[in-house]
Amino acid sequence: MWSKLRLCGAVLGLAAVSLTMAEPASAIQGGTVSKHGPWAVRVYTDGEPSCTGTVVDPQWVITAGHCVRYDNWDVAFRVGSLDQRRGKVVHRVPNATFFAPGADVALVRVPRLGVEPIKLGRGDRVKEGRSVRAYGWGATCAPPKNEASCQSNVLKQAQVKIVAHSDRRCDLLVGSGDFCAQRGSGLPAGGDSGGPATAFDRAGHEVLVGVLSASDRTDVASFGDVTRLRAWITGVIRARGHQGARGSGPVPAGVE
């Protein structure tokens, strides 16, 4: 069950992945190579590629909580390139990682980035039957192949479709703060944890609606619902963004 519920590469044995592996021809178990995603960041744990994240503020990255759970992990982010072998590397600010209530989502403060953040989506973008776009640098193969052998050097994307929270395929994956999505043009896998799910708002702008938490590697994946965490996200950034680190931990939902 653990391998089904968690995708964090460094924690689950992807630490042996080399940044010099051959570049894959496809993405996220059958998606496509992304041509856009300036706010996407590759997450490293103790120097090894492990997860994916998203810039939501010039000094804040959002990712899965299980990717950054412990203070003694050396967590770093590579930003500014769709190729994880290029770009700028920054380390998280000590004692400035905050975990969302009721979802596998974390906000991590970093030194100021020269990256345009993605905007947060609203609830009308997360409805059953709607298609969203998942991004990540994770595995391009499926079990029984070793996911550590097929991590992508380039950012990948795939369309997935939101299904009912009550869908039996989602039973072991989703929590109260998640939405579940089924395989479309591909499916996220190991190393994609924390990666963004996006939709387009009424003005045609790509916005963040989810943070990848888990996948069964076959049919469905779960995402922390960013639209339900908007108040928490903006509250953390406003309260902590310019006051220095105050210690890790949750900030109550609804703080503005």
C-alpha atoms as a PDB file:
ATOM      1  CA  MET A   1       0.000   0.000   0.000  1.00  0.00           C
ATOM      2  CA  TRP A   2       2.830   2.422   0.821  1.00  0.00           C
ATOM      3  CA  SER A   3       4.273   2.308  -2.707  1.00  0.00           C
ATOM      4  CA  LYS A   4       0.772   2.915  -4.054  1.00  0.00           C
ATOM      5  CA  LEU A   5       0.158   5.914  -1.862  1.00  0.00           C
ATOM      6  CA  ARG A   6       3.448   7.772  -2.081  1.00  0.00           C
ATOM      7  CA  LEU A   7       5.505   8.973  -5.032  1.00  0.00           C
ATOM      8  CA  CYS A   8       8.486  10.722  -3.433  1.00  0.00           C
ATOM      9  CA  GLY A   9      11.493   9.325  -5.277  1.00  0.00           C
ATOM     10  CA  ALA A  10      14.244   9.974  -2.763  1.00  0.00           C
ATOM     11  CA  VAL A  11      12.281   8.397   0.080  1.00  0.00           C
ATOM     12  CA  LEU A  12      11.135   5.361  -1.903  1.00  0.00           C
ATOM     13  CA  GLY A  13      14.419   4.385  -3.484  1.00  0.00           C
ATOM     14  CA  LEU A  14      14.924   6.741  -6.420  1.00  0.00           C
ATOM     15  CA  ALA A  15      18.083   8.133  -4.865  1.00  0.00           C
ATOM     16  CA  ALA A  16      20.140   6.129  -7.309  1.00  0.00           C
ATOM     17  CA  VAL A  17      18.780   8.063 -10.276  1.00  0.00           C
ATOM     18  CA  SER A  18      21.519   9.780 -12.288  1.00  0.00           C
ATOM     19  CA  LEU A  19      21.064  13.186 -13.900  1.00  0.00           C
ATOM     20  CA  THR A  20      22.986  11.899 -16.900  1.00  0.00           C
ATOM     21  CA  MET A  21      20.472   9.199 -17.905  1.00  0.00           C
ATOM     22  CA  ALA A  22      19.205   9.166 -21.485  1.00  0.00           C
ATOM     23  CA  GLU A  23      16.440  11.662 -22.201  1.00  0.00           C
ATOM     24  CA  PRO A  24      13.077   9.911 -22.632  1.00  0.00           C
ATOM     25  CA  ALA A  25      11.076  10.117 -25.810  1.00  0.00           C
ATOM     26  CA  SER A  26       7.729  10.331 -24.036  1.00  0.00           C
ATOM     27  CA  ALA A  27       6.424  11.511 -20.705  1.00  0.00           C
ATOM     28  CA  ILE A  28       4.401  10.586 -17.584  1.00  0.00           C
ATOM     29  CA  GLN A  29       3.672   7.076 -18.847  1.00  0.00           C
ATOM     30  CA  GLY A  30       2.587   8.257 -22.261  1.00  0.00           C
ATOM     31  CA  GLY A  31       2.099  12.038 -22.073  1.00  0.00           C
ATOM     32  CA  THR A  32       4.186  14.536 -23.985  1.00  0.00           C
ATOM     33  CA  VAL A  33       7.278  16.645 -23.423  1.00  0.00           C
ATOM     34  CA  SER A  34       6.199  20.039 -22.123  1.00  0.00           C
ATOM     35  CA  LYS A  35       7.020  23.205 -24.035  1.00  0.00           C
ATOM     36  CA  HIS A  36       5.892  25.490 -21.223  1.00  0.00           C
ATOM     37  CA  GLY A  37       5.962  25.599 -17.428  1.00  0.00           C
ATOM     38  CA  PRO A  38       8.264  28.377 -16.160  1.00  0.00           C
ATOM     39  CA  TRP A  39       6.852  28.006 -12.616  1.00  0.00           C
ATOM     40  CA  ALA A  40       7.613  24.267 -12.406  1.00  0.00           C
ATOM     41  CA  VAL A  41      10.569  23.282 -10.198  1.00  0.00           C
ATOM     42  CA  ARG A  42      12.440  20.029  -9.683  1.00  0.00           C
ATOM     43  CA  VAL A  43      12.782  19.027  -6.037  1.00  0.00           C
ATOM     44  CA  TYR A  44      15.978  17.414  -4.713  1.00  0.00           C
ATOM     45  CA  THR A  45      16.375  15.591  -1.420  1.00  0.00           C
ATOM     46  CA  ASP A  46      19.918  15.163  -0.111  1.00  0.00           C
ATOM     47  CA  GLY A  47      21.220  15.981  -3.585  1.00  0.00           C
ATOM     48  CA  GLU A  48      19.084  13.501  -5.518  1.00  0.00           C
ATOM     49  CA  PRO A  49      16.015  14.254  -7.706  1.00  0.00           C
ATOM     50  CA  SER A  50      12.904  13.265  -5.796  1.00  0.00           C
ATOM     51  CA  CYS A  51       9.749  15.298  -6.468  1.00  0.00           C
ATOM     52  CA  THR A  52       8.258  18.210  -8.394  1.00  0.00           C
ATOM     53  CA  GLY A  53       6.952  21.565  -7.183  1.00  0.00           C
ATOM     54  CA  THR A  54       5.503  24.883  -8.317  1.00  0.00           C
ATOM     55  CA  VAL A  55       6.426  28.521  -7.698  1.00  0.00           C
ATOM     56  CA  VAL A  56       3.371  30.306  -6.245  1.00  0.00           C
ATOM     57  CA  ASP A  57       5.194  33.428  -5.024  1.00  0.00           C
ATOM     58  CA  PRO A  58       8.712  34.824  -5.679  1.00  0.00           C
ATOM     59  CA  GLN A  59       9.805  33.305  -2.342  1.00  0.00           C
ATOM     60  CA  TRP A  60       7.522  30.275  -2.019  1.00  0.00           C
ATOM     61  CA  VAL A  61       7.298  26.818  -3.588  1.00  0.00           C
ATOM     62  CA  ILE A  62       4.323  24.492  -3.137  1.00  0.00           C
ATOM     63  CA  THR A  63       4.832  20.723  -3.237  1.00  0.00           C
ATOM     64  CA  ALA A  64       3.629  17.528  -1.568  1.00  0.00           C
ATOM     65  CA  GLY A  65       4.066  17.430   2.185  1.00  0.00           C
ATOM     66  CA  HIS A  66       5.730  14.017   2.114  1.00  0.00           C
ATOM     67  CA  CYS A  67       8.464  15.416  -0.156  1.00  0.00           C
ATOM     68  CA  VAL A  68       9.716  17.884   2.480  1.00  0.00           C
ATOM     69  CA  ARG A  69       8.511  16.271   5.691  1.00  0.00           C
ATOM     70  CA  TYR A  70      11.655  16.352   7.831  1.00  0.00           C
ATOM     71  CA  ASP A  71      13.838  19.292   8.812  1.00  0.00           C
ATOM     72  CA  ASN A  72      17.035  17.224   8.582  1.00  0.00           C
ATOM     73  CA  TRP A  73      16.477  16.571   4.879  1.00  0.00           C
ATOM     74  CA  ASP A  74      18.586  18.774   2.622  1.00  0.00           C
ATOM     75  CA  VAL A  75      15.811  20.030   0.319  1.00  0.00           C
ATOM     76  CA  ALA A  76      16.726  22.051  -2.764  1.00  0.00           C
ATOM     77  CA  PHE A  77      14.897  23.263  -5.862  1.00  0.00           C
ATOM     78  CA  ARG A  78      16.124  23.716  -9.430  1.00  0.00           C
ATOM     79  CA  VAL A  79      14.268  26.532 -11.182  1.00  0.00           C
ATOM     80  CA  GLY A  80      14.355  28.391 -14.477  1.00  0.00           C
ATOM     81  CA  SER A  81      14.557  25.487 -16.922  1.00  0.00           C
ATOM     82  CA  LEU A  82      12.354  22.705 -18.251  1.00  0.00           C
ATOM     83  CA  ASP A  83      15.468  20.491 -18.203  1.00  0.00           C
ATOM     84  CA  GLN A  84      16.445  19.369 -14.703  1.00  0.00           C
ATOM     85  CA  ARG A  85      20.117  19.414 -15.675  1.00  0.00           C
ATOM     86  CA  ARG A  86      19.991  23.183 -16.155  1.00  0.00           C
ATOM     87  CA  GLY A  87      18.715  26.179 -14.238  1.00  0.00           C
ATOM     88  CA  LYS A  88      19.402  27.672 -10.821  1.00  0.00           C
ATOM     89  CA  VAL A  89      19.533  25.680  -7.575  1.00  0.00           C
ATOM     90  CA  VAL A  90      18.252  27.173  -4.317  1.00  0.00           C
ATOM     91  CA  HIS A  91      17.856  25.600  -0.874  1.00  0.00           C
ATOM     92  CA  ARG A  92      14.846  25.976   1.364  1.00  0.00           C
ATOM     93  CA  VAL A  93      14.982  28.510   4.161  1.00  0.00           C
ATOM     94  CA  PRO A  94      15.493  26.669   7.479  1.00  0.00           C
ATOM     95  CA  ASN A  95      12.448  26.344   9.728  1.00  0.00           C
ATOM     96  CA  ALA A  96      10.114  27.797   7.086  1.00  0.00           C
ATOM     97  CA  THR A  97       8.210  24.773   5.792  1.00  0.00           C
ATOM     98  CA  PHE A  98       4.461  24.772   6.487  1.00  0.00           C
ATOM     99  CA  PHE A  99       2.022  21.888   6.087  1.00  0.00           C
ATOM    100  CA  ALA A 100      -1.575  22.285   4.966  1.00  0.00           C
ATOM    101  CA  PRO A 101      -4.436  21.115   7.172  1.00  0.00           C
ATOM    102  CA  GLY A 102      -6.189  18.067   5.754  1.00  0.00           C
ATOM    103  CA  ALA A 103      -4.039  17.617   2.639  1.00  0.00           C
ATOM    104  CA  ASP A 104      -0.608  16.295   1.643  1.00  0.00           C
ATOM    105  CA  VAL A 105       0.548  19.789   0.658  1.00  0.00           C
ATOM    106  CA  ALA A 106       3.391  21.972   1.914  1.00  0.00           C
ATOM    107  CA  LEU A 107       4.610  25.513   1.338  1.00  0.00           C
ATOM    108  CA  VAL A 108       8.376  25.995   1.444  1.00  0.00           C
ATOM    109  CA  ARG A 109      10.066  29.368   1.710  1.00  0.00           C
ATOM    110  CA  VAL A 110      13.117  29.882  -0.522  1.00  0.00           C
ATOM    111  CA  PRO A 111      15.428  32.769  -1.425  1.00  0.00           C
ATOM    112  CA  ARG A 112      13.803  35.178  -3.863  1.00  0.00           C
ATOM    113  CA  LEU A 113      13.441  33.562  -7.285  1.00  0.00           C
ATOM    114  CA  GLY A 114      13.538  35.223 -10.663  1.00  0.00           C
ATOM    115  CA  VAL A 115      10.538  33.161 -11.763  1.00  0.00           C
ATOM    116  CA  GLU A 116       7.017  34.285 -12.594  1.00  0.00           C
ATOM    117  CA  PRO A 117       4.679  32.492 -10.145  1.00  0.00           C
ATOM    118  CA  ILE A 118       1.565  30.694 -11.304  1.00  0.00           C
ATOM    119  CA  LYS A 119      -1.758  32.062 -10.103  1.00  0.00           C
ATOM    120  CA  LEU A 120      -4.111  30.026  -7.929  1.00  0.00           C
ATOM    121  CA  GLY A 121      -7.290  28.634  -9.455  1.00  0.00           C
ATOM    122  CA  ARG A 122     -10.800  28.679  -8.021  1.00  0.00           C
ATOM    123  CA  GLY A 123     -13.287  25.939  -7.259  1.00  0.00           C
ATOM    124  CA  ASP A 124     -15.180  26.138 -10.532  1.00  0.00           C
ATOM    125  CA  ARG A 125     -12.104  24.663 -12.223  1.00  0.00           C
ATOM    126  CA  VAL A 126     -12.266  21.451 -10.161  1.00  0.00           C
ATOM    127  CA  LYS A 127     -15.394  19.553 -11.122  1.00  0.00           C
ATOM    128  CA  GLU A 128     -16.138  15.969 -12.038  1.00  0.00           C
ATOM    129  CA  GLY A 129     -15.554  15.396 -15.741  1.00  0.00           C
ATOM    130  CA  ARG A 130     -13.197  18.341 -16.169  1.00  0.00           C
ATOM    131  CA  SER A 131      -9.771  17.715 -17.694  1.00  0.00           C
ATOM    132  CA  VAL A 132      -6.685  19.108 -15.950  1.00  0.00           C
ATOM    133  CA  ARG A 133      -3.029  19.049 -16.937  1.00  0.00           C
ATOM    134  CA  ALA A 134      -0.452  17.317 -14.713  1.00  0.00           C
ATOM    135  CA  TYR A 135       3.274  18.148 -14.891  1.00  0.00           C
ATOM    136  CA  GLY A 136       6.402  16.461 -13.549  1.00  0.00           C
ATOM    137  CA  TRP A 137       9.908  15.111 -14.066  1.00  0.00           C
ATOM    138  CA  GLY A 138       9.080  11.653 -12.710  1.00  0.00           C
ATOM    139  CA  ALA A 139       8.948   8.124 -14.077  1.00  0.00           C
ATOM    140  CA  THR A 140       8.012   7.514 -17.706  1.00  0.00           C
ATOM    141  CA  CYS A 141       7.603   3.759 -17.179  1.00  0.00           C
ATOM    142  CA  ALA A 142       5.142   1.660 -15.202  1.00  0.00           C
ATOM    143  CA  PRO A 143       5.635  -1.240 -12.797  1.00  0.00           C
ATOM    144  CA  PRO A 144       7.105  -3.821 -12.817  1.00  0.00           C
ATOM    145  CA  LYS A 145       9.851  -1.671 -14.323  1.00  0.00           C
ATOM    146  CA  ASN A 146      12.006   0.180 -11.794  1.00  0.00           C
ATOM    147  CA  GLU A 147      10.878   3.827 -11.697  1.00  0.00           C
ATOM    148  CA  ALA A 148      14.411   4.884 -10.789  1.00  0.00           C
ATOM    149  CA  SER A 149      15.535   3.716 -14.231  1.00  0.00           C
ATOM    150  CA  CYS A 150      13.158   5.926 -16.207  1.00  0.00           C
ATOM    151  CA  GLN A 151      13.088   9.346 -14.528  1.00  0.00           C
ATOM    152  CA  SER A 152      12.795  12.172 -17.047  1.00  0.00           C
ATOM    153  CA  ASN A 153      15.358  14.896 -17.555  1.00  0.00           C
ATOM    154  CA  VAL A 154      12.763  17.105 -19.241  1.00  0.00           C
ATOM    155  CA  LEU A 155       9.459  18.364 -17.894  1.00  0.00           C
ATOM    156  CA  LYS A 156       6.499  16.213 -18.922  1.00  0.00           C
ATOM    157  CA  GLN A 157       2.767  16.798 -19.044  1.00  0.00           C
ATOM    158  CA  ALA A 158      -0.385  14.747 -19.409  1.00  0.00           C
ATOM    159  CA  GLN A 159      -4.107  15.400 -19.430  1.00  0.00           C
ATOM    160  CA  VAL A 160      -6.088  13.618 -16.702  1.00  0.00           C
ATOM    161  CA  LYS A 161      -9.836  13.761 -16.049  1.00  0.00           C
ATOM    162  CA  ILE A 162     -11.384  14.448 -12.647  1.00  0.00           C
ATOM    163  CA  VAL A 163     -13.623  11.637 -11.403  1.00  0.00           C
ATOM    164  CA  ALA A 164     -16.016  11.429  -8.465  1.00  0.00           C
ATOM    165  CA  HIS A 165     -14.415  11.461  -5.042  1.00  0.00           C
ATOM    166  CA  SER A 166     -16.433   8.306  -4.325  1.00  0.00           C
ATOM    167  CA  ASP A 167     -14.960   6.364  -7.269  1.00  0.00           C
ATOM    168  CA  ARG A 168     -13.813   3.015  -5.839  1.00  0.00           C
ATOM    169  CA  ARG A 169     -10.497   3.265  -7.677  1.00  0.00           C
ATOM    170  CA  CYS A 170      -9.712   6.299  -5.534  1.00  0.00           C
ATOM    171  CA  ASP A 171     -10.423   4.680  -2.150  1.00  0.00           C
ATOM    172  CA  LEU A 172      -6.790   4.190  -1.084  1.00  0.00           C
ATOM    173  CA  LEU A 173      -5.559   7.477  -2.529  1.00  0.00           C
ATOM    174  CA  VAL A 174      -7.777  10.425  -1.741  1.00  0.00           C
ATOM    175  CA  GLY A 175      -8.292  12.290   1.500  1.00  0.00           C
ATOM    176  CA  SER A 176     -10.891  14.886   2.353  1.00  0.00           C
ATOM    177  CA  GLY A 177      -8.726  17.655   0.873  1.00  0.00           C
ATOM    178  CA  ASP A 178      -8.013  15.861  -2.421  1.00  0.00           C
ATOM    179  CA  PHE A 179      -9.578  15.348  -5.807  1.00  0.00           C
ATOM    180  CA  CYS A 180      -9.099  12.197  -7.863  1.00  0.00           C
ATOM    181  CA  ALA A 181      -8.336  12.018 -11.584  1.00  0.00           C
ATOM    182  CA  GLN A 182      -8.153   9.132 -14.017  1.00  0.00           C
ATOM    183  CA  ARG A 183      -5.565   8.446 -16.693  1.00  0.00           C
ATOM    184  CA  GLY A 184      -6.003  10.460 -19.852  1.00  0.00           C
ATOM    185  CA  SER A 185      -3.109  11.012 -22.244  1.00  0.00           C
ATOM    186  CA  GLY A 186      -0.884   9.718 -19.434  1.00  0.00           C
ATOM    187  CA  LEU A 187      -0.634   9.293 -15.663  1.00  0.00           C
ATOM    188  CA  PRO A 188       1.787  10.741 -13.073  1.00  0.00           C
ATOM    189  CA  ALA A 189       4.128   8.298 -11.339  1.00  0.00           C
ATOM    190  CA  GLY A 190       7.119   8.158  -8.976  1.00  0.00           C
ATOM    191  CA  GLY A 191       9.052  11.439  -8.889  1.00  0.00           C
ATOM    192  CA  ASP A 192       6.036  13.519  -9.963  1.00  0.00           C
ATOM    193  CA  SER A 193       4.887  13.992  -6.344  1.00  0.00           C
ATOM    194  CA  GLY A 194       4.133  17.607  -5.546  1.00  0.00           C
ATOM    195  CA  GLY A 195       3.810  18.512  -9.197  1.00  0.00           C
ATOM    196  CA  PRO A 196       1.127  20.893 -10.425  1.00  0.00           C
ATOM    197  CA  ALA A 197      -2.257  20.148 -11.881  1.00  0.00           C
ATOM    198  CA  THR A 198      -3.451  23.119 -13.889  1.00  0.00           C
ATOM    199  CA  ALA A 199      -6.558  24.348 -15.639  1.00  0.00           C
ATOM    200  CA  PHE A 200      -7.455  27.443 -17.625  1.00  0.00           C
ATOM    201  CA  ASP A 201      -9.537  30.221 -16.115  1.00  0.00           C
ATOM    202  CA  ARG A 202     -12.231  32.117 -17.993  1.00  0.00           C
ATOM    203  CA  ALA A 203      -9.645  34.593 -19.272  1.00  0.00           C
ATOM    204  CA  GLY A 204      -7.577  31.763 -20.750  1.00  0.00           C
ATOM    205  CA  HIS A 205      -4.776  31.907 -18.153  1.00  0.00           C
ATOM    206  CA  GLU A 206      -3.261  28.686 -16.855  1.00  0.00           C
ATOM    207  CA  VAL A 207      -3.835  28.440 -13.090  1.00  0.00           C
ATOM    208  CA  LEU A 208      -2.876  25.995 -10.354  1.00  0.00           C
ATOM    209  CA  VAL A 209      -5.692  23.756  -9.094  1.00  0.00           C
ATOM    210  CA  GLY A 210      -3.885  20.742  -7.612  1.00  0.00           C
ATOM    211  CA  VAL A 211      -0.687  19.330  -6.084  1.00  0.00           C
ATOM    212  CA  LEU A 212       0.036  15.687  -6.869  1.00  0.00           C
ATOM    213  CA  SER A 213      -0.050  13.469  -3.802  1.00  0.00           C
ATOM    214  CA  ALA A 214      -0.342   9.849  -4.940  1.00  0.00           C
ATOM    215  CA  SER A 215      -0.891   7.504  -7.876  1.00  0.00           C
ATOM    216  CA  ASP A 216      -1.742   3.849  -8.351  1.00  0.00           C
ATOM    217  CA  ARG A 217       0.525   3.903 -11.443  1.00  0.00           C
ATOM    218  CA  THR A 218      -2.298   2.314 -13.464  1.00  0.00           C
ATOM    219  CA  ASP A 219      -5.616   4.165 -13.473  1.00  0.00           C
ATOM    220  CA  VAL A 220      -5.890   7.110 -11.072  1.00  0.00           C
ATOM    221  CA  ALA A 221      -3.962   9.754  -9.141  1.00  0.00           C
ATOM    222  CA  SER A 222      -4.895  12.094  -6.308  1.00  0.00           C
ATOM    223  CA  PHE A 223      -4.161  15.803  -5.986  1.00  0.00           C
ATOM    224  CA  GLY A 224      -4.351  18.144  -3.015  1.00  0.00           C
ATOM    225  CA  ASP A 225      -7.107  20.576  -3.979  1.00  0.00           C
ATOM    226  CA  VAL A 226      -5.436  23.989  -4.198  1.00  0.00           C
ATOM    227  CA  THR A 227      -8.758  25.728  -4.782  1.00  0.00           C
ATOM    228  CA  ARG A 228      -9.841  24.644  -1.283  1.00  0.00           C
ATOM    229  CA  LEU A 229      -6.496  25.742   0.171  1.00  0.00           C
ATOM    230  CA  ARG A 230      -6.434  29.252  -1.307  1.00  0.00           C
ATOM    231  CA  ALA A 231      -7.002  30.985   2.033  1.00  0.00           C
ATOM    232  CA  TRP A 232      -4.347  28.879   3.750  1.00  0.00           C
ATOM    233  CA  ILE A 233      -1.798  29.458   0.973  1.00  0.00           C
ATOM    234  CA  THR A 234      -2.307  33.214   0.843  1.00  0.00           C
ATOM    235  CA  GLY A 235      -2.370  33.348   4.629  1.00  0.00           C
ATOM    236  CA  VAL A 236       0.992  31.623   4.999  1.00  0.00           C
ATOM    237  CA  ILE A 237       2.607  33.836   2.381  1.00  0.00           C
ATOM    238  CA  ARG A 238       1.231  37.055   3.850  1.00  0.00           C
ATOM    239  CA  ALA A 239       1.978  36.146   7.451  1.00  0.00           C
ATOM    240  CA  ARG A 240       5.412  34.607   6.913  1.00  0.00           C
ATOM    241  CA  GLY A 241       6.634  36.040   3.656  1.00  0.00           C
ATOM    242  CA  HIS A 242       8.351  39.146   5.011  1.00  0.00           C
ATOM    243  CA  GLN A 243       8.841  38.355   8.687  1.00  0.00           C
ATOM    244  CA  GLY A 244      11.549  35.707   8.537  1.00  0.00           C
ATOM    245  CA  ALA A 245      11.349  32.092   9.600  1.00  0.00           C
ATOM    246  CA  ARG A 246       9.282  31.344  12.694  1.00  0.00           C
ATOM    247  CA  GLY A 247       9.466  27.577  12.748  1.00  0.00           C
ATOM    248  CA  SER A 248       7.723  24.935  10.692  1.00  0.00           C
ATOM    249  CA  GLY A 249       4.143  23.858  11.220  1.00  0.00           C
ATOM    250  CA  PRO A 250       0.626  24.520   9.991  1.00  0.00           C
ATOM    251  CA  VAL A 251      -0.969  27.934   9.787  1.00  0.00           C
ATOM    252  CA  PRO A 252      -4.723  27.796  10.446  1.00  0.00           C
ATOM    253  CA  ALA A 253      -6.912  27.691   7.366  1.00  0.00           C
ATOM    254  CA  GLY A 254      -8.619  30.952   6.584  1.00  0.00           C
ATOM    255  CA  VAL A 255      -5.808  33.232   7.761  1.00  0.00           C
ATOM    256  CA  GLU A 256      -5.738  36.294   5.520  1.00  0.00           C
END
